[in-house]
PDB file of N, CA and C in Angstrom:
ATOM      1  N   MET A   1       0.900  -1.108  -0.025  1.00  0.00           N
ATOM      2  CA  MET A   1      -0.108  -0.004   0.074  1.00  0.00           C
ATOM      3  C   MET A   1       0.774   1.243  -0.018  1.00  0.00           C
ATOM      4  N   CYS A   2       0.581   2.276  -0.924  1.00  0.00           N
ATOM      5  CA  CYS A   2       1.257   3.486  -0.863  1.00  0.00           C
ATOM      6  C   CYS A   2       0.285   4.600  -0.426  1.00  0.00           C
ATOM      7  N   TYR A   3       0.776   5.688  -0.023  1.00  0.00           N
ATOM      8  CA  TYR A   3      -0.049   6.822   0.432  1.00  0.00           C
ATOM      9  C   TYR A   3       0.485   8.100  -0.202  1.00  0.00           C
ATOM     10  N   VAL A   4      -0.404   8.953  -0.640  1.00  0.00           N
ATOM     11  CA  VAL A   4      -0.161  10.415  -0.809  1.00  0.00           C
ATOM     12  C   VAL A   4      -0.604  11.221   0.373  1.00  0.00           C
ATOM     13  N   TYR A   5       0.035  12.058   0.923  1.00  0.00           N
ATOM     14  CA  TYR A   5      -0.406  12.781   2.072  1.00  0.00           C
ATOM     15  C   TYR A   5      -0.074  14.393   1.942  1.00  0.00           C
ATOM     16  N   ILE A   6      -0.792  15.156   2.711  1.00  0.00           N
ATOM     17  CA  ILE A   6      -0.630  16.626   2.804  1.00  0.00           C
ATOM     18  C   ILE A   6      -0.444  16.818   4.205  1.00  0.00           C
ATOM     19  N   LEU A   7       0.670  17.568   4.546  1.00  0.00           N
ATOM     20  CA  LEU A   7       1.055  18.154   5.902  1.00  0.00           C
ATOM     21  C   LEU A   7       0.770  19.658   5.979  1.00  0.00           C
ATOM     22  N   GLU A   8       0.191  20.146   7.108  1.00  0.00           N
ATOM     23  CA  GLU A   8       0.224  21.602   7.341  1.00  0.00           C
ATOM     24  C   GLU A   8       1.455  21.872   8.240  1.00  0.00           C
ATOM     25  N   CYS A   9       2.214  22.788   7.628  1.00  0.00           N
ATOM     26  CA  CYS A   9       3.391  23.231   8.409  1.00  0.00           C
ATOM     27  C   CYS A   9       3.126  24.319   9.384  1.00  0.00           C
ATOM     28  N   ALA A  10       4.037  24.627  10.373  1.00  0.00           N
ATOM     29  CA  ALA A  10       3.693  25.564  11.303  1.00  0.00           C
ATOM     30  C   ALA A  10       3.394  26.944  10.774  1.00  0.00           C
ATOM     31  N   ASP A  11       3.978  27.137   9.600  1.00  0.00           N
ATOM     32  CA  ASP A  11       3.816  28.454   8.975  1.00  0.00           C
ATOM     33  C   ASP A  11       2.454  28.500   8.132  1.00  0.00           C
ATOM     34  N   ARG A  12       1.836  27.420   8.154  1.00  0.00           N
ATOM     35  CA  ARG A  12       0.477  27.339   7.601  1.00  0.00           C
ATOM     36  C   ARG A  12       0.640  26.997   6.066  1.00  0.00           C
ATOM     37  N   THR A  13       1.850  26.559   5.695  1.00  0.00           N
ATOM     38  CA  THR A  13       2.056  26.033   4.222  1.00  0.00           C
ATOM     39  C   THR A  13       1.650  24.750   4.158  1.00  0.00           C
ATOM     40  N   LEU A  14       1.452  24.134   2.980  1.00  0.00           N
ATOM     41  CA  LEU A  14       1.103  22.785   2.912  1.00  0.00           C
ATOM     42  C   LEU A  14       2.277  22.106   2.085  1.00  0.00           C
ATOM     43  N   TYR A  15       2.456  20.764   2.494  1.00  0.00           N
ATOM     44  CA  TYR A  15       3.508  19.885   1.915  1.00  0.00           C
ATOM     45  C   TYR A  15       2.977  18.672   1.414  1.00  0.00           C
ATOM     46  N   THR A  16       3.195  18.253   0.298  1.00  0.00           N
ATOM     47  CA  THR A  16       2.569  17.137  -0.344  1.00  0.00           C
ATOM     48  C   THR A  16       3.712  16.160  -0.524  1.00  0.00           C
ATOM     49  N   GLY A  17       3.527  14.726  -0.317  1.00  0.00           N
ATOM     50  CA  GLY A  17       4.508  13.741  -0.448  1.00  0.00           C
ATOM     51  C   GLY A  17       3.770  12.367  -0.710  1.00  0.00           C
ATOM     52  N   TRP A  18       4.513  11.424  -0.778  1.00  0.00           N
ATOM     53  CA  TRP A  18       4.149  10.077  -0.996  1.00  0.00           C
ATOM     54  C   TRP A  18       5.073   9.090  -0.273  1.00  0.00           C
ATOM     55  N   THR A  19       4.578   8.016   0.273  1.00  0.00           N
ATOM     56  CA  THR A  19       5.317   7.081   0.995  1.00  0.00           C
ATOM     57  C   THR A  19       4.595   5.654   0.998  1.00  0.00           C
ATOM     58  N   ASN A  20       5.425   4.715   1.313  1.00  0.00           N
ATOM     59  CA  ASN A  20       4.724   3.454   1.374  1.00  0.00           C
ATOM     60  C   ASN A  20       4.538   3.037   2.911  1.00  0.00           C
ATOM     61  N   ASN A  21       4.972   4.005   3.849  1.00  0.00           N
ATOM     62  CA  ASN A  21       4.712   3.833   5.345  1.00  0.00           C
ATOM     63  C   ASN A  21       4.406   5.083   5.941  1.00  0.00           C
ATOM     64  N   LEU A  22       3.043   5.438   5.935  1.00  0.00           N
ATOM     65  CA  LEU A  22       2.695   6.809   6.256  1.00  0.00           C
ATOM     66  C   LEU A  22       3.018   7.051   7.825  1.00  0.00           C
ATOM     67  N   ASN A  23       2.848   6.139   8.815  1.00  0.00           N
ATOM     68  CA  ASN A  23       3.179   6.441  10.042  1.00  0.00           C
ATOM     69  C   ASN A  23       4.627   6.805  10.317  1.00  0.00           C
ATOM     70  N   LYS A  24       5.371   6.077   9.815  1.00  0.00           N
ATOM     71  CA  LYS A  24       6.881   6.193   9.785  1.00  0.00           C
ATOM     72  C   LYS A  24       7.274   7.564   9.047  1.00  0.00           C
ATOM     73  N   ARG A  25       6.614   7.865   7.858  1.00  0.00           N
ATOM     74  CA  ARG A  25       7.092   8.983   7.270  1.00  0.00           C
ATOM     75  C   ARG A  25       6.767  10.245   8.092  1.00  0.00           C
ATOM     76  N   ILE A  26       5.491  10.231   8.665  1.00  0.00           N
ATOM     77  CA  ILE A  26       5.132  11.496   9.435  1.00  0.00           C
ATOM     78  C   ILE A  26       6.053  11.680  10.762  1.00  0.00           C
ATOM     79  N   GLU A  27       6.372  10.412  11.301  1.00  0.00           N
ATOM     80  CA  GLU A  27       7.315  10.561  12.457  1.00  0.00           C
ATOM     81  C   GLU A  27       8.678  11.188  11.979  1.00  0.00           C
ATOM     82  N   THR A  28       9.146  10.732  10.906  1.00  0.00           N
ATOM     83  CA  THR A  28      10.423  11.332  10.306  1.00  0.00           C
ATOM     84  C   THR A  28      10.319  12.965  10.098  1.00  0.00           C
ATOM     85  N   HIS A  29       9.234  13.141   9.541  1.00  0.00           N
ATOM     86  CA  HIS A  29       8.989  14.686   9.277  1.00  0.00           C
ATOM     87  C   HIS A  29       8.971  15.393  10.674  1.00  0.00           C
ATOM     88  N   SER A  30       8.299  14.798  11.531  1.00  0.00           N
ATOM     89  CA  SER A  30       8.047  15.479  12.768  1.00  0.00           C
ATOM     90  C   SER A  30       9.439  15.594  13.744  1.00  0.00           C
ATOM     91  N   LYS A  31      10.281  14.696  13.390  1.00  0.00           N
ATOM     92  CA  LYS A  31      11.578  14.713  14.014  1.00  0.00           C
ATOM     93  C   LYS A  31      12.528  15.658  13.455  1.00  0.00           C
ATOM     94  N   GLY A  32      12.167  16.270  12.196  1.00  0.00           N
ATOM     95  CA  GLY A  32      13.061  17.214  11.469  1.00  0.00           C
ATOM     96  C   GLY A  32      14.113  16.551  10.584  1.00  0.00           C
ATOM     97  N   LYS A  33      13.715  15.273  10.381  1.00  0.00           N
ATOM     98  CA  LYS A  33      14.604  14.572   9.430  1.00  0.00           C
ATOM     99  C   LYS A  33      13.931  14.137   8.199  1.00  0.00           C
ATOM    100  N   GLY A  34      12.831  14.793   7.840  1.00  0.00           N
ATOM    101  CA  GLY A  34      12.158  14.397   6.541  1.00  0.00           C
ATOM    102  C   GLY A  34      12.651  15.481   5.543  1.00  0.00           C
ATOM    103  N   ALA A  35      11.816  15.896   4.612  1.00  0.00           N
ATOM    104  CA  ALA A  35      12.138  16.782   3.659  1.00  0.00           C
ATOM    105  C   ALA A  35      12.736  18.041   4.199  1.00  0.00           C
ATOM    106  N   LYS A  36      13.647  18.626   3.290  1.00  0.00           N
ATOM    107  CA  LYS A  36      14.279  19.915   3.755  1.00  0.00           C
ATOM    108  C   LYS A  36      13.178  20.933   3.885  1.00  0.00           C
ATOM    109  N   TYR A  37      12.109  20.982   3.024  1.00  0.00           N
ATOM    110  CA  TYR A  37      11.061  21.923   3.292  1.00  0.00           C
ATOM    111  C   TYR A  37      10.414  21.808   4.576  1.00  0.00           C
ATOM    112  N   THR A  38      10.175  20.705   5.054  1.00  0.00           N
ATOM    113  CA  THR A  38       9.368  20.537   6.364  1.00  0.00           C
ATOM    114  C   THR A  38      10.290  20.729   7.569  1.00  0.00           C
ATOM    115  N   ARG A  39      11.596  20.559   7.456  1.00  0.00           N
ATOM    116  CA  ARG A  39      12.533  20.698   8.498  1.00  0.00           C
ATOM    117  C   ARG A  39      12.598  22.146   8.978  1.00  0.00           C
ATOM    118  N   ALA A  40      12.370  23.060   8.304  1.00  0.00           N
ATOM    119  CA  ALA A  40      12.380  24.606   8.589  1.00  0.00           C
ATOM    120  C   ALA A  40      11.128  25.025   9.090  1.00  0.00           C
ATOM    121  N   ARG A  41      10.082  24.107   9.125  1.00  0.00           N
ATOM    122  CA  ARG A  41       8.614  24.540   9.303  1.00  0.00           C
ATOM    123  C   ARG A  41       7.896  23.683  10.359  1.00  0.00           C
ATOM    124  N   LEU A  42       8.675  23.155  11.226  1.00  0.00           N
ATOM    125  CA  LEU A  42       8.079  22.256  12.226  1.00  0.00           C
ATOM    126  C   LEU A  42       7.410  23.232  13.248  1.00  0.00           C
ATOM    127  N   PRO A  43       6.299  22.575  13.933  1.00  0.00           N
ATOM    128  CA  PRO A  43       5.874  21.335  13.823  1.00  0.00           C
ATOM    129  C   PRO A  43       4.984  21.134  12.573  1.00  0.00           C
ATOM    130  N   VAL A  44       4.746  19.785  12.088  1.00  0.00           N
ATOM    131  CA  VAL A  44       3.871  19.478  11.018  1.00  0.00           C
ATOM    132  C   VAL A  44       2.697  18.684  11.485  1.00  0.00           C
ATOM    133  N   LYS A  45       1.478  18.910  10.669  1.00  0.00           N
ATOM    134  CA  LYS A  45       0.419  17.970  11.346  1.00  0.00           C
ATOM    135  C   LYS A  45      -0.132  17.447   9.902  1.00  0.00           C
ATOM    136  N   LEU A  46      -0.466  16.181  10.068  1.00  0.00           N
ATOM    137  CA  LEU A  46      -1.125  15.368   8.718  1.00  0.00           C
ATOM    138  C   LEU A  46      -2.518  15.924   8.767  1.00  0.00           C
ATOM    139  N   VAL A  47      -2.792  16.428   7.486  1.00  0.00           N
ATOM    140  CA  VAL A  47      -4.216  16.940   7.371  1.00  0.00           C
ATOM    141  C   VAL A  47      -4.986  16.153   6.366  1.00  0.00           C
ATOM    142  N   TYR A  48      -4.349  15.241   5.459  1.00  0.00           N
ATOM    143  CA  TYR A  48      -5.164  14.582   4.462  1.00  0.00           C
ATOM    144  C   TYR A  48      -4.140  13.456   3.881  1.00  0.00           C
ATOM    145  N   PHE A  49      -4.745  12.306   3.555  1.00  0.00           N
ATOM    146  CA  PHE A  49      -4.122  11.319   2.890  1.00  0.00           C
ATOM    147  C   PHE A  49      -4.912  10.519   1.954  1.00  0.00           C
ATOM    148  N   GLU A  50      -4.381   9.776   0.961  1.00  0.00           N
ATOM    149  CA  GLU A  50      -5.131   8.928   0.167  1.00  0.00           C
ATOM    150  C   GLU A  50      -4.378   7.642  -0.011  1.00  0.00           C
ATOM    151  N   LYS A  51      -5.183   6.422  -0.161  1.00  0.00           N
ATOM    152  CA  LYS A  51      -4.302   5.219  -0.261  1.00  0.00           C
ATOM    153  C   LYS A  51      -4.277   4.710  -1.779  1.00  0.00           C
ATOM    154  N   TYR A  52      -3.190   4.194  -2.189  1.00  0.00           N
ATOM    155  CA  TYR A  52      -2.943   3.610  -3.515  1.00  0.00           C
ATOM    156  C   TYR A  52      -2.338   2.244  -3.468  1.00  0.00           C
ATOM    157  N   GLU A  53      -2.730   1.396  -4.465  1.00  0.00           N
ATOM    158  CA  GLU A  53      -2.294   0.050  -4.498  1.00  0.00           C
ATOM    159  C   GLU A  53      -0.741  -0.016  -4.955  1.00  0.00           C
ATOM    160  N   ASP A  54      -0.230   1.020  -5.656  1.00  0.00           N
ATOM    161  CA  ASP A  54       0.999   1.002  -6.242  1.00  0.00           C
ATOM    162  C   ASP A  54       1.688   2.418  -6.147  1.00  0.00           C
ATOM    163  N   LYS A  55       3.029   2.361  -6.266  1.00  0.00           N
ATOM    164  CA  LYS A  55       4.049   3.474  -6.145  1.00  0.00           C
ATOM    165  C   LYS A  55       3.688   4.305  -7.375  1.00  0.00           C
ATOM    166  N   ILE A  56       3.425   4.055  -8.592  1.00  0.00           N
ATOM    167  CA  ILE A  56       3.281   4.698  -9.658  1.00  0.00           C
ATOM    168  C   ILE A  56       2.067   5.622  -9.558  1.00  0.00           C
ATOM    169  N   SER A  57       0.851   4.853  -9.041  1.00  0.00           N
ATOM    170  CA  SER A  57      -0.411   5.720  -8.996  1.00  0.00           C
ATOM    171  C   SER A  57      -0.239   6.718  -7.809  1.00  0.00           C
ATOM    172  N   ALA A  58       0.547   6.399  -6.866  1.00  0.00           N
ATOM    173  CA  ALA A  58       0.711   7.355  -5.765  1.00  0.00           C
ATOM    174  C   ALA A  58       1.551   8.518  -6.294  1.00  0.00           C
ATOM    175  N   GLN A  59       2.551   8.373  -6.948  1.00  0.00           N
ATOM    176  CA  GLN A  59       3.416   9.352  -7.489  1.00  0.00           C
ATOM    177  C   GLN A  59       2.713  10.249  -8.498  1.00  0.00           C
ATOM    178  N   LYS A  60       1.871   9.724  -9.258  1.00  0.00           N
ATOM    179  CA  LYS A  60       1.089  10.555 -10.224  1.00  0.00           C
ATOM    180  C   LYS A  60       0.054  11.319  -9.556  1.00  0.00           C
ATOM    181  N   ARG A  61      -0.537  10.855  -8.452  1.00  0.00           N
ATOM    182  CA  ARG A  61      -1.409  11.688  -7.764  1.00  0.00           C
ATOM    183  C   ARG A  61      -0.714  12.743  -6.905  1.00  0.00           C
ATOM    184  N   GLU A  62       0.471  12.480  -6.372  1.00  0.00           N
ATOM    185  CA  GLU A  62       1.265  13.477  -5.724  1.00  0.00           C
ATOM    186  C   GLU A  62       1.558  14.609  -6.577  1.00  0.00           C
ATOM    187  N   TYR A  63       1.938  14.192  -7.896  1.00  0.00           N
ATOM    188  CA  TYR A  63       2.329  15.338  -8.946  1.00  0.00           C
ATOM    189  C   TYR A  63       1.152  16.130  -9.264  1.00  0.00           C
ATOM    190  N   ALA A  64      -0.066  15.500  -9.334  1.00  0.00           N
ATOM    191  CA  ALA A  64      -1.233  16.309  -9.706  1.00  0.00           C
ATOM    192  C   ALA A  64      -1.671  17.300  -8.505  1.00  0.00           C
ATOM    193  N   ILE A  65      -1.571  16.630  -7.251  1.00  0.00           N
ATOM    194  CA  ILE A  65      -1.874  17.543  -6.144  1.00  0.00           C
ATOM    195  C   ILE A  65      -0.850  18.774  -6.081  1.00  0.00           C
ATOM    196  N   LYS A  66       0.482  18.405  -6.164  1.00  0.00           N
ATOM    197  CA  LYS A  66       1.387  19.675  -6.233  1.00  0.00           C
ATOM    198  C   LYS A  66       1.238  20.641  -7.137  1.00  0.00           C
ATOM    199  N   ARG A  67       0.505  20.313  -8.260  1.00  0.00           N
ATOM    200  CA  ARG A  67       0.234  21.351  -9.337  1.00  0.00           C
ATOM    201  C   ARG A  67      -1.014  22.102  -9.001  1.00  0.00           C
ATOM    202  N   LEU A  68      -1.727  21.804  -8.088  1.00  0.00           N
ATOM    203  CA  LEU A  68      -2.993  22.473  -7.454  1.00  0.00           C
ATOM    204  C   LEU A  68      -2.528  23.789  -6.960  1.00  0.00           C
ATOM    205  N   ALA A  69      -3.453  24.715  -7.107  1.00  0.00           N
ATOM    206  CA  ALA A  69      -3.254  26.036  -6.354  1.00  0.00           C
ATOM    207  C   ALA A  69      -3.625  25.739  -4.865  1.00  0.00           C
ATOM    208  N   LYS A  70      -2.964  26.620  -3.982  1.00  0.00           N
ATOM    209  CA  LYS A  70      -3.211  26.304  -2.595  1.00  0.00           C
ATOM    210  C   LYS A  70      -4.729  26.368  -2.268  1.00  0.00           C
ATOM    211  N   LYS A  71      -5.551  27.235  -2.900  1.00  0.00           N
ATOM    212  CA  LYS A  71      -7.082  27.389  -2.605  1.00  0.00           C
ATOM    213  C   LYS A  71      -7.583  25.913  -2.935  1.00  0.00           C
ATOM    214  N   ASP A  72      -7.252  25.217  -4.004  1.00  0.00           N
ATOM    215  CA  ASP A  72      -7.636  24.046  -4.392  1.00  0.00           C
ATOM    216  C   ASP A  72      -7.268  22.804  -3.428  1.00  0.00           C
ATOM    217  N   LYS A  73      -5.946  22.965  -2.933  1.00  0.00           N
ATOM    218  CA  LYS A  73      -5.508  21.972  -1.926  1.00  0.00           C
ATOM    219  C   LYS A  73      -6.394  22.142  -0.642  1.00  0.00           C
ATOM    220  N   ILE A  74      -6.782  23.361  -0.243  1.00  0.00           N
ATOM    221  CA  ILE A  74      -7.633  23.503   0.888  1.00  0.00           C
ATOM    222  C   ILE A  74      -9.002  23.130   0.618  1.00  0.00           C
ATOM    223  N   LYS A  75      -9.555  23.123  -0.419  1.00  0.00           N
ATOM    224  CA  LYS A  75     -10.807  22.598  -0.824  1.00  0.00           C
ATOM    225  C   LYS A  75     -10.779  21.065  -0.646  1.00  0.00           C
ATOM    226  N   LEU A  76      -9.747  20.421  -1.272  1.00  0.00           N
ATOM    227  CA  LEU A  76      -9.675  19.034  -1.144  1.00  0.00           C
ATOM    228  C   LEU A  76      -9.548  18.507   0.334  1.00  0.00           C
ATOM    229  N   ILE A  77      -8.714  19.273   1.063  1.00  0.00           N
ATOM    230  CA  ILE A  77      -8.619  19.003   2.524  1.00  0.00           C
ATOM    231  C   ILE A  77      -9.933  19.097   3.233  1.00  0.00           C
ATOM    232  N   SER A  78     -10.575  20.161   3.088  1.00  0.00           N
ATOM    233  CA  SER A  78     -11.752  20.468   3.702  1.00  0.00           C
ATOM    234  C   SER A  78     -12.948  19.676   3.339  1.00  0.00           C
ATOM    235  N   HIS A  79     -12.916  19.093   2.254  1.00  0.00           N
ATOM    236  CA  HIS A  79     -14.092  18.250   1.864  1.00  0.00           C
ATOM    237  C   HIS A  79     -13.897  16.825   2.131  1.00  0.00           C
ATOM    238  N   GLU A  80     -12.738  16.480   2.660  1.00  0.00           N
ATOM    239  CA  GLU A  80     -12.526  15.057   3.057  1.00  0.00           C
ATOM    240  C   GLU A  80     -12.436  14.865   4.517  1.00  0.00           C
ATOM    241  N   ASN A  81     -13.264  13.994   5.056  1.00  0.00           N
ATOM    242  CA  ASN A  81     -13.178  13.566   6.507  1.00  0.00           C
ATOM    243  C   ASN A  81     -12.553  12.282   6.352  1.00  0.00           C
ATOM    244  N   PHE A  82     -11.199  12.267   6.766  1.00  0.00           N
ATOM    245  CA  PHE A  82     -10.538  10.972   7.004  1.00  0.00           C
ATOM    246  C   PHE A  82     -10.276  10.679   8.372  1.00  0.00           C
ATOM    247  N   ASN A  83     -10.191   9.432   8.698  1.00  0.00           N
ATOM    248  CA  ASN A  83      -9.909   8.903   9.990  1.00  0.00           C
ATOM    249  C   ASN A  83      -8.497   8.333  10.005  1.00  0.00           C
ATOM    250  N   ILE A  84      -7.641   8.948  10.880  1.00  0.00           N
ATOM    251  CA  ILE A  84      -6.352   8.531  11.021  1.00  0.00           C
ATOM    252  C   ILE A  84      -6.185   7.084  11.453  1.00  0.00           C
ATOM    253  N   THR A  85      -7.210   6.530  12.145  1.00  0.00           N
ATOM    254  CA  THR A  85      -7.098   5.121  12.527  1.00  0.00           C
ATOM    255  C   THR A  85      -7.292   4.241  11.322  1.00  0.00           C
ATOM    256  N   GLU A  86      -7.540   4.673  10.108  1.00  0.00           N
ATOM    257  CA  GLU A  86      -7.616   3.977   8.915  1.00  0.00           C
ATOM    258  C   GLU A  86      -6.222   3.507   8.430  1.00  0.00           C
ATOM    259  N   LEU A  87      -5.265   3.939   9.051  1.00  0.00           N
ATOM    260  CA  LEU A  87      -3.726   3.528   8.584  1.00  0.00           C
ATOM    261  C   LEU A  87      -3.656   2.129   9.144  1.00  0.00           C
TER     262      LEU A  87
END
């Protein structure tokens, strides 16, 4: 299983990424050992994720989300009620 996720950073910017282990990746970001972008913007908070069966699908979706305007990412996040226990 692969995941595409969106984090809200301390400066209220949004970071989008993909991983095959969401819990571990969020933990890595939170410890300041994740992407360079998030290291300077701690703490981060998981605000959205989607599940995919394979890496290629997740990477394509990550790319599509990254191309969205911030207002459209906010719409995506606000229209989705996800349950973190689904991980």
